[in-house]
Amino acid sequence: MTQRTPQSSQTKSVKPPSAGGGLGGAFGAIAMSVVAGVLVAAAITPVVALSGMAATTAVDIFEKLPNHLNPRSSLKRRRSLQRMLMMFMRRSRLCTTRIARP
């Protein structure tokens, strides 16, 4: 059989915090913040690029619209149609009231 040797009692000494450890932790936090910022910027860049392209395309489409699509002319046309419809309704109302009377 083997003999067991008694374990030596080792005491762990606690070191006081040093200035280098605090600076190292701060540097590590700053470095990780920089890495996180770069990753977020890399993730957002395609979204920004696509939205810029979509806005440019929308402006180009709007500028290529034909000139005959003038809102004022369609407003005049709508008002004339409204007048024609009102005249028709007045005439038909007059006709129906004349017919309904004995």
Protein backbone atom coordinates (compact mmCIF):
# COMPACT_ATOMS: atom_id res chain seq x y z
CA MET A 1 0.00 0.00 0.00
CA THR A 2 1.00 3.54 -0.58
CA GLN A 3 1.44 5.92 2.19
CA ARG A 4 -0.40 9.16 2.23
CA THR A 5 1.54 12.22 2.87
CA PRO A 6 -0.13 14.94 4.84
CA GLN A 7 -1.11 17.86 2.70
CA SER A 8 0.77 20.98 3.41
CA SER A 9 -1.39 23.85 4.45
CA GLN A 10 -0.91 26.65 2.00
CA THR A 11 -2.34 30.03 2.70
CA LYS A 12 -3.32 32.23 -0.18
CA SER A 13 -2.22 35.77 0.12
CA VAL A 14 -4.61 38.44 -1.07
CA LYS A 15 -2.96 41.14 -3.13
CA PRO A 16 -4.16 44.68 -2.80
CA PRO A 17 -5.63 46.10 -6.02
CA SER A 18 -3.00 47.75 -8.11
CA ALA A 19 -3.31 50.76 -10.37
CA GLY A 20 -2.35 48.67 -13.38
CA GLY A 21 -5.28 46.34 -12.86
CA GLY A 22 -7.76 49.21 -12.78
CA LEU A 23 -6.29 50.78 -15.89
CA GLY A 24 -6.29 47.42 -17.64
CA GLY A 25 -9.99 46.96 -16.83
CA ALA A 26 -10.83 50.45 -18.09
CA PHE A 27 -8.80 49.85 -21.26
CA GLY A 28 -10.58 46.53 -21.79
CA ALA A 29 -14.00 48.17 -21.38
CA ILE A 30 -13.09 50.92 -23.86
CA ALA A 31 -11.74 48.37 -26.35
CA MET A 32 -14.92 46.28 -26.15
CA SER A 33 -17.03 49.41 -26.61
CA VAL A 34 -15.09 50.26 -29.76
CA VAL A 35 -15.55 46.72 -31.09
CA ALA A 36 -19.30 46.86 -30.34
CA GLY A 37 -19.57 50.24 -32.10
CA VAL A 38 -17.83 48.90 -35.20
CA LEU A 39 -20.15 45.89 -35.30
CA VAL A 40 -23.27 48.04 -34.95
CA ALA A 41 -22.04 50.40 -37.67
CA ALA A 42 -21.35 47.44 -39.96
CA ALA A 43 -24.85 46.10 -39.34
CA ILE A 44 -26.58 49.45 -39.98
CA THR A 45 -24.63 50.47 -43.10
CA PRO A 46 -26.61 48.29 -45.58
CA VAL A 47 -29.93 49.57 -44.24
CA VAL A 48 -28.84 53.18 -44.66
CA ALA A 49 -27.55 52.48 -48.17
CA LEU A 50 -30.79 50.80 -49.26
CA SER A 51 -32.96 53.58 -47.88
CA GLY A 52 -30.84 56.16 -49.70
CA MET A 53 -31.20 54.25 -52.96
CA ALA A 54 -34.97 53.99 -52.46
CA ALA A 55 -35.24 57.73 -51.86
CA THR A 56 -33.20 58.50 -54.97
CA THR A 57 -35.35 56.18 -57.06
CA ALA A 58 -38.55 57.77 -55.75
CA VAL A 59 -37.29 61.25 -56.64
CA ASP A 60 -36.31 60.08 -60.13
CA ILE A 61 -39.73 58.55 -60.72
CA PHE A 62 -41.44 61.70 -59.52
CA GLU A 63 -39.33 63.89 -61.80
CA LYS A 64 -40.05 61.67 -64.82
CA LEU A 65 -43.82 62.12 -64.51
CA PRO A 66 -45.33 63.64 -67.65
CA ASN A 67 -46.13 67.33 -67.64
CA HIS A 68 -49.73 66.84 -68.74
CA LEU A 69 -50.57 65.61 -65.24
CA ASN A 70 -51.32 69.08 -64.02
CA PRO A 71 -53.36 69.14 -60.81
CA ARG A 72 -55.01 72.45 -61.70
CA SER A 73 -56.38 71.12 -64.96
CA SER A 74 -57.83 68.07 -63.23
CA LEU A 75 -59.40 70.38 -60.65
CA LYS A 76 -61.04 72.42 -63.42
CA ARG A 77 -62.24 69.24 -65.08
CA ARG A 78 -63.68 67.95 -61.81
CA ARG A 79 -65.51 71.22 -61.18
CA SER A 80 -67.00 71.18 -64.67
CA LEU A 81 -68.15 67.58 -64.14
CA GLN A 82 -69.69 68.61 -60.84
CA ARG A 83 -71.56 71.42 -62.56
CA MET A 84 -72.83 69.08 -65.26
CA LEU A 85 -73.98 66.60 -62.65
CA MET A 86 -75.76 69.31 -60.67
CA MET A 87 -77.53 70.53 -63.82
CA PHE A 88 -78.59 66.99 -64.63
CA MET A 89 -79.88 66.44 -61.10
CA ARG A 90 -81.84 69.70 -61.16
CA ARG A 91 -83.42 68.85 -64.50
CA SER A 92 -84.31 65.34 -63.44
CA ARG A 93 -85.76 66.64 -60.18
CA LEU A 94 -87.86 69.16 -62.08
CA CYS A 95 -89.06 66.45 -64.45
CA THR A 96 -90.01 64.11 -61.64
CA THR A 97 -91.82 66.80 -59.71
CA ARG A 98 -93.75 67.80 -62.84
CA ILE A 99 -94.73 64.22 -63.49
CA ALA A 100 -95.69 63.57 -59.89
CA ARG A 101 -98.09 66.53 -59.76
CA PRO A 102 -101.65 65.86 -60.99
